[in-house]
């Protein structure tokens, strides 16, 4: 089982739902874990009135309502005893205390996610200080960078990531940048209110960068990423 950690304080739920759908379309058994502070995913998958710990959404599973890694691990072990196993567990983490340091250390992928907001960048710096200040936290773990809701605002990319360079991690130099416009926001809102997951209306540039991100994290050839995205577009949640 592979563990992918997507950490940060911005709303990345739509991005991780897209990623989970594409991985599931490639044949992976995927569990997406809601470790956000406000239980973000309940609003996307339609579980407000009948919350369950792990539910199926389209071709993958979503775990909600867990407050610690230990509780999640117990539920996953129960699923394993029932014959259900996962190839990839994707964690949307907004609290640096959700799981122990060992999970950070053993994860196959670690991605720091931010948008261009000054407030979230400043809060993200505090978040990272808290994470890296733990005496037992390993130095020079590899972290990828992901910008979401990226717009052309005249702010240079090196400035946006400058606050991260002081932390003792091996930051990958080329970030993934997902563009944002009114159409992407409209799709996000439509998907949330209809409890669906449509990918086809996403822009060509968004799909291209999303495919690059998934392909590099999985070690796929570009062609394989594009085919998985096309399959996900044809499926409905």
C-alpha atoms as a PDB file:
ATOM      1  CA  UNK A   1       0.000   0.000   0.000  1.00  0.00           C
ATOM      2  CA  UNK A   2       1.311   3.430  -0.979  1.00  0.00           C
ATOM      3  CA  UNK A   3       0.638   6.536   1.069  1.00  0.00           C
ATOM      4  CA  UNK A   4       0.462   9.977  -0.536  1.00  0.00           C
ATOM      5  CA  UNK A   5       0.310  13.005   1.781  1.00  0.00           C
ATOM      6  CA  UNK A   6      -1.120  16.276   0.477  1.00  0.00           C
ATOM      7  CA  UNK A   7      -0.582  18.820   3.257  1.00  0.00           C
ATOM      8  CA  UNK A   8      -1.613  22.448   3.512  1.00  0.00           C
ATOM      9  CA  UNK A   9      -4.394  24.730   4.697  1.00  0.00           C
ATOM     10  CA  UNK A  10      -6.052  25.589   1.370  1.00  0.00           C
ATOM     11  CA  UNK A  11      -9.169  23.847   0.030  1.00  0.00           C
ATOM     12  CA  UNK A  12      -7.730  21.108  -2.176  1.00  0.00           C
ATOM     13  CA  UNK A  13     -10.736  18.783  -2.053  1.00  0.00           C
ATOM     14  CA  UNK A  14     -11.681  19.136  -5.725  1.00  0.00           C
ATOM     15  CA  UNK A  15      -8.089  18.527  -6.832  1.00  0.00           C
ATOM     16  CA  UNK A  16      -7.745  15.361  -4.752  1.00  0.00           C
ATOM     17  CA  UNK A  17     -11.127  14.067  -5.881  1.00  0.00           C
ATOM     18  CA  UNK A  18      -9.941  14.454  -9.482  1.00  0.00           C
ATOM     19  CA  UNK A  19      -6.654  12.716  -8.703  1.00  0.00           C
ATOM     20  CA  UNK A  20      -8.430   9.847  -6.923  1.00  0.00           C
ATOM     21  CA  UNK A  21     -10.820   9.404  -9.847  1.00  0.00           C
ATOM     22  CA  UNK A  22      -7.992   9.248 -12.376  1.00  0.00           C
ATOM     23  CA  UNK A  23      -6.011   6.750 -10.314  1.00  0.00           C
ATOM     24  CA  UNK A  24      -9.123   4.603  -9.854  1.00  0.00           C
ATOM     25  CA  UNK A  25      -9.733   4.701 -13.613  1.00  0.00           C
ATOM     26  CA  UNK A  26      -6.240   3.262 -14.079  1.00  0.00           C
ATOM     27  CA  UNK A  27      -7.182   0.231 -11.978  1.00  0.00           C
ATOM     28  CA  UNK A  28      -5.852   1.389  -8.584  1.00  0.00           C
ATOM     29  CA  UNK A  29      -7.842   0.721  -5.419  1.00  0.00           C
ATOM     30  CA  UNK A  30      -7.892   4.190  -3.844  1.00  0.00           C
ATOM     31  CA  UNK A  31      -8.866   5.494  -0.409  1.00  0.00           C
ATOM     32  CA  UNK A  32      -9.080   9.295  -0.068  1.00  0.00           C
ATOM     33  CA  UNK A  33      -8.868  10.374   3.579  1.00  0.00           C
ATOM     34  CA  UNK A  34     -10.497  13.588   4.788  1.00  0.00           C
ATOM     35  CA  UNK A  35      -8.146  14.873   7.484  1.00  0.00           C
ATOM     36  CA  UNK A  36      -9.294  18.467   7.031  1.00  0.00           C
ATOM     37  CA  UNK A  37     -10.217  20.607  10.003  1.00  0.00           C
ATOM     38  CA  UNK A  38     -13.850  21.112   8.941  1.00  0.00           C
ATOM     39  CA  UNK A  39     -14.684  17.768   7.351  1.00  0.00           C
ATOM     40  CA  UNK A  40     -14.600  19.272   3.863  1.00  0.00           C
ATOM     41  CA  UNK A  41     -15.485  16.144   1.901  1.00  0.00           C
ATOM     42  CA  UNK A  42     -18.899  15.583   3.482  1.00  0.00           C
ATOM     43  CA  UNK A  43     -20.143  18.448   1.310  1.00  0.00           C
ATOM     44  CA  UNK A  44     -18.778  16.876  -1.873  1.00  0.00           C
ATOM     45  CA  UNK A  45     -19.913  13.274  -1.450  1.00  0.00           C
ATOM     46  CA  UNK A  46     -23.369  13.855   0.060  1.00  0.00           C
ATOM     47  CA  UNK A  47     -22.854  12.408   3.535  1.00  0.00           C
ATOM     48  CA  UNK A  48     -24.188  15.276   5.654  1.00  0.00           C
ATOM     49  CA  UNK A  49     -27.308  13.483   6.907  1.00  0.00           C
ATOM     50  CA  UNK A  50     -25.975   9.925   7.225  1.00  0.00           C
ATOM     51  CA  UNK A  51     -22.256  10.059   7.947  1.00  0.00           C
ATOM     52  CA  UNK A  52     -20.350   6.808   7.582  1.00  0.00           C
ATOM     53  CA  UNK A  53     -16.639   6.361   8.282  1.00  0.00           C
ATOM     54  CA  UNK A  54     -15.687   4.965   4.853  1.00  0.00           C
ATOM     55  CA  UNK A  55     -17.986   5.254   1.832  1.00  0.00           C
ATOM     56  CA  UNK A  56     -17.714   4.573  -1.873  1.00  0.00           C
ATOM     57  CA  UNK A  57     -17.819   7.577  -4.177  1.00  0.00           C
ATOM     58  CA  UNK A  58     -17.657   6.618  -7.806  1.00  0.00           C
ATOM     59  CA  UNK A  59     -14.791   4.168  -8.273  1.00  0.00           C
ATOM     60  CA  UNK A  60     -12.910   4.957  -5.068  1.00  0.00           C
ATOM     61  CA  UNK A  61     -13.534   5.206  -1.320  1.00  0.00           C
ATOM     62  CA  UNK A  62     -13.566   8.287   0.904  1.00  0.00           C
ATOM     63  CA  UNK A  63     -12.878   8.194   4.653  1.00  0.00           C
ATOM     64  CA  UNK A  64     -14.451  10.968   6.745  1.00  0.00           C
ATOM     65  CA  UNK A  65     -14.861  11.718  10.430  1.00  0.00           C
ATOM     66  CA  UNK A  66     -11.517  10.370  11.619  1.00  0.00           C
ATOM     67  CA  UNK A  67      -9.593  12.574  14.051  1.00  0.00           C
ATOM     68  CA  UNK A  68      -6.371  10.566  14.252  1.00  0.00           C
ATOM     69  CA  UNK A  69      -4.266   8.119  12.294  1.00  0.00           C
ATOM     70  CA  UNK A  70      -4.840   5.424  14.913  1.00  0.00           C
ATOM     71  CA  UNK A  71      -8.619   5.503  14.422  1.00  0.00           C
ATOM     72  CA  UNK A  72      -8.218   5.457  10.652  1.00  0.00           C
ATOM     73  CA  UNK A  73      -5.751   2.577  10.841  1.00  0.00           C
ATOM     74  CA  UNK A  74      -8.186   0.508  12.901  1.00  0.00           C
ATOM     75  CA  UNK A  75     -10.918   1.031  10.301  1.00  0.00           C
ATOM     76  CA  UNK A  76      -8.545   0.139   7.474  1.00  0.00           C
ATOM     77  CA  UNK A  77      -7.489  -3.045   9.257  1.00  0.00           C
ATOM     78  CA  UNK A  78     -11.150  -4.009   9.632  1.00  0.00           C
ATOM     79  CA  UNK A  79     -11.617  -3.524   5.882  1.00  0.00           C
ATOM     80  CA  UNK A  80      -8.547  -5.644   5.221  1.00  0.00           C
ATOM     81  CA  UNK A  81      -9.969  -8.474   7.315  1.00  0.00           C
ATOM     82  CA  UNK A  82     -13.113  -8.204   5.198  1.00  0.00           C
ATOM     83  CA  UNK A  83     -11.001  -8.693   2.078  1.00  0.00           C
ATOM     84  CA  UNK A  84     -10.736  -5.028   1.015  1.00  0.00           C
ATOM     85  CA  UNK A  85      -7.255  -3.649   0.445  1.00  0.00           C
ATOM     86  CA  UNK A  86      -6.035  -0.391  -1.045  1.00  0.00           C
ATOM     87  CA  UNK A  87      -3.218   0.259  -3.460  1.00  0.00           C
ATOM     88  CA  UNK A  88      -3.005   3.968  -2.651  1.00  0.00           C
ATOM     89  CA  UNK A  89      -4.148   5.953   0.393  1.00  0.00           C
ATOM     90  CA  UNK A  90      -4.339   9.713  -0.273  1.00  0.00           C
ATOM     91  CA  UNK A  91      -4.380  11.943   2.811  1.00  0.00           C
ATOM     92  CA  UNK A  92      -5.712  15.503   2.700  1.00  0.00           C
ATOM     93  CA  UNK A  93      -4.063  16.805   5.865  1.00  0.00           C
ATOM     94  CA  UNK A  94      -4.682  20.156   7.545  1.00  0.00           C
ATOM     95  CA  UNK A  95      -3.324  19.276  10.986  1.00  0.00           C
ATOM     96  CA  UNK A  96       0.371  18.403  11.469  1.00  0.00           C
ATOM     97  CA  UNK A  97      -0.663  16.227  14.427  1.00  0.00           C
ATOM     98  CA  UNK A  98      -3.067  13.947  12.548  1.00  0.00           C
ATOM     99  CA  UNK A  99      -0.526  11.146  12.233  1.00  0.00           C
ATOM    100  CA  UNK A 100       2.854  10.295  13.794  1.00  0.00           C
ATOM    101  CA  UNK A 101       6.214  11.187  12.306  1.00  0.00           C
ATOM    102  CA  UNK A 102       6.629   7.603  11.081  1.00  0.00           C
ATOM    103  CA  UNK A 103       3.824   8.117   8.546  1.00  0.00           C
ATOM    104  CA  UNK A 104       5.619  11.151   7.109  1.00  0.00           C
ATOM    105  CA  UNK A 105       8.811   9.155   6.935  1.00  0.00           C
ATOM    106  CA  UNK A 106       7.285   6.095   5.271  1.00  0.00           C
ATOM    107  CA  UNK A 107       5.028   7.896   2.776  1.00  0.00           C
ATOM    108  CA  UNK A 108       5.825   7.346  -0.890  1.00  0.00           C
ATOM    109  CA  UNK A 109       4.879  10.934  -1.791  1.00  0.00           C
ATOM    110  CA  UNK A 110       4.676  14.167   0.202  1.00  0.00           C
ATOM    111  CA  UNK A 111       3.145  17.225  -1.451  1.00  0.00           C
ATOM    112  CA  UNK A 112       2.852  20.710   0.054  1.00  0.00           C
ATOM    113  CA  UNK A 113      -0.185  22.452  -1.412  1.00  0.00           C
ATOM    114  CA  UNK A 114      -0.874  26.181  -1.437  1.00  0.00           C
ATOM    115  CA  UNK A 115      -2.668  28.835  -3.395  1.00  0.00           C
ATOM    116  CA  UNK A 116      -1.467  32.409  -3.925  1.00  0.00           C
ATOM    117  CA  UNK A 117      -3.200  33.845  -0.845  1.00  0.00           C
ATOM    118  CA  UNK A 118      -0.837  35.797   1.409  1.00  0.00           C
ATOM    119  CA  UNK A 119      -2.808  34.738   4.488  1.00  0.00           C
ATOM    120  CA  UNK A 120      -2.567  31.031   3.675  1.00  0.00           C
ATOM    121  CA  UNK A 121       1.108  31.338   2.821  1.00  0.00           C
ATOM    122  CA  UNK A 122       1.830  33.002   6.179  1.00  0.00           C
ATOM    123  CA  UNK A 123      -0.277  30.437   8.025  1.00  0.00           C
ATOM    124  CA  UNK A 124       1.442  27.702   6.039  1.00  0.00           C
ATOM    125  CA  UNK A 125       4.808  28.914   7.282  1.00  0.00           C
ATOM    126  CA  UNK A 126       3.608  28.566  10.878  1.00  0.00           C
ATOM    127  CA  UNK A 127       2.268  25.099  10.018  1.00  0.00           C
ATOM    128  CA  UNK A 128       5.615  23.983   8.616  1.00  0.00           C
ATOM    129  CA  UNK A 129       7.513  25.435  11.568  1.00  0.00           C
ATOM    130  CA  UNK A 130       5.368  23.334  13.870  1.00  0.00           C
ATOM    131  CA  UNK A 131       5.955  20.238  11.741  1.00  0.00           C
ATOM    132  CA  UNK A 132       9.707  20.547  11.332  1.00  0.00           C
ATOM    133  CA  UNK A 133      10.312  21.648  14.932  1.00  0.00           C
ATOM    134  CA  UNK A 134       9.536  18.143  16.177  1.00  0.00           C
ATOM    135  CA  UNK A 135      12.896  16.746  17.378  1.00  0.00           C
ATOM    136  CA  UNK A 136      12.265  13.348  15.809  1.00  0.00           C
ATOM    137  CA  UNK A 137      11.122  14.704  12.425  1.00  0.00           C
ATOM    138  CA  UNK A 138      13.515  13.489   9.692  1.00  0.00           C
ATOM    139  CA  UNK A 139      15.611  15.999   7.782  1.00  0.00           C
ATOM    140  CA  UNK A 140      15.719  16.205   3.988  1.00  0.00           C
ATOM    141  CA  UNK A 141      12.553  14.245   3.235  1.00  0.00           C
ATOM    142  CA  UNK A 142      11.506  14.830  -0.363  1.00  0.00           C
ATOM    143  CA  UNK A 143       8.538  17.191  -0.764  1.00  0.00           C
ATOM    144  CA  UNK A 144       6.796  18.188  -3.988  1.00  0.00           C
ATOM    145  CA  UNK A 145       5.151  21.599  -4.448  1.00  0.00           C
ATOM    146  CA  UNK A 146       1.647  22.088  -5.799  1.00  0.00           C
ATOM    147  CA  UNK A 147      -0.054  25.405  -6.531  1.00  0.00           C
ATOM    148  CA  UNK A 148      -3.823  25.241  -6.899  1.00  0.00           C
ATOM    149  CA  UNK A 149      -6.216  27.967  -8.043  1.00  0.00           C
ATOM    150  CA  UNK A 150      -3.272  29.607  -9.804  1.00  0.00           C
ATOM    151  CA  UNK A 151      -3.978  32.882 -11.591  1.00  0.00           C
ATOM    152  CA  UNK A 152      -1.843  35.387 -13.466  1.00  0.00           C
ATOM    153  CA  UNK A 153      -1.416  38.026 -10.754  1.00  0.00           C
ATOM    154  CA  UNK A 154       2.035  39.420 -11.458  1.00  0.00           C
ATOM    155  CA  UNK A 155       3.633  37.737  -8.433  1.00  0.00           C
ATOM    156  CA  UNK A 156       6.822  35.877  -9.265  1.00  0.00           C
ATOM    157  CA  UNK A 157       6.972  32.167  -8.451  1.00  0.00           C
ATOM    158  CA  UNK A 158      10.356  32.312  -6.594  1.00  0.00           C
ATOM    159  CA  UNK A 159       8.838  34.862  -4.213  1.00  0.00           C
ATOM    160  CA  UNK A 160       5.809  32.634  -3.585  1.00  0.00           C
ATOM    161  CA  UNK A 161       7.977  29.703  -2.504  1.00  0.00           C
ATOM    162  CA  UNK A 162      10.677  31.674  -0.700  1.00  0.00           C
ATOM    163  CA  UNK A 163       9.113  31.070   2.703  1.00  0.00           C
ATOM    164  CA  UNK A 164       9.623  27.314   2.319  1.00  0.00           C
ATOM    165  CA  UNK A 165      13.355  27.329   1.655  1.00  0.00           C
ATOM    166  CA  UNK A 166      14.270  27.735   5.308  1.00  0.00           C
ATOM    167  CA  UNK A 167      12.800  24.363   6.237  1.00  0.00           C
ATOM    168  CA  UNK A 168      15.086  21.279   6.170  1.00  0.00           C
ATOM    169  CA  UNK A 169      13.408  19.345   3.371  1.00  0.00           C
ATOM    170  CA  UNK A 170      14.466  18.351  -0.114  1.00  0.00           C
ATOM    171  CA  UNK A 171      12.038  20.551  -2.049  1.00  0.00           C
ATOM    172  CA  UNK A 172      11.525  19.552  -5.665  1.00  0.00           C
ATOM    173  CA  UNK A 173      12.363  22.607  -7.726  1.00  0.00           C
ATOM    174  CA  UNK A 174       9.658  22.499 -10.410  1.00  0.00           C
ATOM    175  CA  UNK A 175       6.199  22.897  -8.856  1.00  0.00           C
ATOM    176  CA  UNK A 176       2.925  21.649 -10.288  1.00  0.00           C
ATOM    177  CA  UNK A 177       0.706  24.624 -11.094  1.00  0.00           C
ATOM    178  CA  UNK A 178      -3.024  24.099 -11.687  1.00  0.00           C
ATOM    179  CA  UNK A 179      -4.613  27.112 -13.423  1.00  0.00           C
ATOM    180  CA  UNK A 180      -7.867  28.571 -12.175  1.00  0.00           C
ATOM    181  CA  UNK A 181     -10.666  30.497 -13.805  1.00  0.00           C
ATOM    182  CA  UNK A 182     -14.400  31.028 -13.542  1.00  0.00           C
ATOM    183  CA  UNK A 183     -15.112  27.769 -15.356  1.00  0.00           C
ATOM    184  CA  UNK A 184     -13.152  25.711 -12.826  1.00  0.00           C
ATOM    185  CA  UNK A 185     -15.004  27.361  -9.954  1.00  0.00           C
ATOM    186  CA  UNK A 186     -18.357  26.734 -11.654  1.00  0.00           C
ATOM    187  CA  UNK A 187     -17.497  23.047 -12.100  1.00  0.00           C
ATOM    188  CA  UNK A 188     -16.377  22.710  -8.483  1.00  0.00           C
ATOM    189  CA  UNK A 189     -19.658  24.213  -7.238  1.00  0.00           C
ATOM    190  CA  UNK A 190     -21.772  22.100  -9.592  1.00  0.00           C
ATOM    191  CA  UNK A 191     -19.995  18.912  -8.528  1.00  0.00           C
ATOM    192  CA  UNK A 192     -20.468  19.750  -4.842  1.00  0.00           C
ATOM    193  CA  UNK A 193     -24.176  20.548  -5.032  1.00  0.00           C
ATOM    194  CA  UNK A 194     -24.995  17.575  -7.249  1.00  0.00           C
ATOM    195  CA  UNK A 195     -22.644  15.190  -5.378  1.00  0.00           C
ATOM    196  CA  UNK A 196     -21.068  14.220  -8.668  1.00  0.00           C
ATOM    197  CA  UNK A 197     -17.576  14.206 -10.116  1.00  0.00           C
ATOM    198  CA  UNK A 198     -17.300  15.482 -13.675  1.00  0.00           C
ATOM    199  CA  UNK A 199     -13.819  16.049 -15.122  1.00  0.00           C
ATOM    200  CA  UNK A 200     -14.501  16.617 -18.794  1.00  0.00           C
ATOM    201  CA  UNK A 201     -15.258  20.386 -18.518  1.00  0.00           C
ATOM    202  CA  UNK A 202     -11.807  21.072 -17.001  1.00  0.00           C
ATOM    203  CA  UNK A 203      -9.588  23.180 -19.239  1.00  0.00           C
ATOM    204  CA  UNK A 204      -6.956  21.609 -21.462  1.00  0.00           C
ATOM    205  CA  UNK A 205      -4.128  23.282 -19.496  1.00  0.00           C
ATOM    206  CA  UNK A 206      -5.551  22.084 -16.182  1.00  0.00           C
ATOM    207  CA  UNK A 207      -5.796  18.507 -17.461  1.00  0.00           C
ATOM    208  CA  UNK A 208      -2.297  18.634 -18.898  1.00  0.00           C
ATOM    209  CA  UNK A 209      -0.744  19.751 -15.608  1.00  0.00           C
ATOM    210  CA  UNK A 210      -2.866  17.356 -13.566  1.00  0.00           C
ATOM    211  CA  UNK A 211      -1.735  14.494 -15.818  1.00  0.00           C
ATOM    212  CA  UNK A 212       1.888  15.544 -15.401  1.00  0.00           C
ATOM    213  CA  UNK A 213       1.528  15.605 -11.615  1.00  0.00           C
ATOM    214  CA  UNK A 214      -0.123  12.179 -11.400  1.00  0.00           C
ATOM    215  CA  UNK A 215       2.217  10.635 -13.954  1.00  0.00           C
ATOM    216  CA  UNK A 216       5.374  11.778 -12.186  1.00  0.00           C
ATOM    217  CA  UNK A 217       4.103  10.737  -8.762  1.00  0.00           C
ATOM    218  CA  UNK A 218       3.176   7.301 -10.140  1.00  0.00           C
ATOM    219  CA  UNK A 219       6.241   6.930 -12.356  1.00  0.00           C
ATOM    220  CA  UNK A 220       4.085   6.629 -15.484  1.00  0.00           C
ATOM    221  CA  UNK A 221       4.864   7.545 -19.044  1.00  0.00           C
ATOM    222  CA  UNK A 222       2.897  10.640 -20.210  1.00  0.00           C
ATOM    223  CA  UNK A 223       0.756   8.491 -22.497  1.00  0.00           C
ATOM    224  CA  UNK A 224      -0.405   6.349 -19.570  1.00  0.00           C
ATOM    225  CA  UNK A 225      -1.461   9.433 -17.591  1.00  0.00           C
ATOM    226  CA  UNK A 226      -3.470  10.801 -20.503  1.00  0.00           C
ATOM    227  CA  UNK A 227      -5.259   7.501 -21.027  1.00  0.00           C
ATOM    228  CA  UNK A 228      -6.182   7.269 -17.329  1.00  0.00           C
ATOM    229  CA  UNK A 229      -7.599  10.795 -17.435  1.00  0.00           C
ATOM    230  CA  UNK A 230      -9.655   9.972 -20.523  1.00  0.00           C
ATOM    231  CA  UNK A 231     -11.087   6.909 -18.793  1.00  0.00           C
ATOM    232  CA  UNK A 232     -11.959   8.968 -15.723  1.00  0.00           C
ATOM    233  CA  UNK A 233     -13.736  11.529 -17.896  1.00  0.00           C
ATOM    234  CA  UNK A 234     -16.023   8.812 -19.237  1.00  0.00           C
ATOM    235  CA  UNK A 235     -16.966   7.583 -15.774  1.00  0.00           C
ATOM    236  CA  UNK A 236     -19.507   9.199 -13.492  1.00  0.00           C
ATOM    237  CA  UNK A 237     -19.642   9.498  -9.709  1.00  0.00           C
END
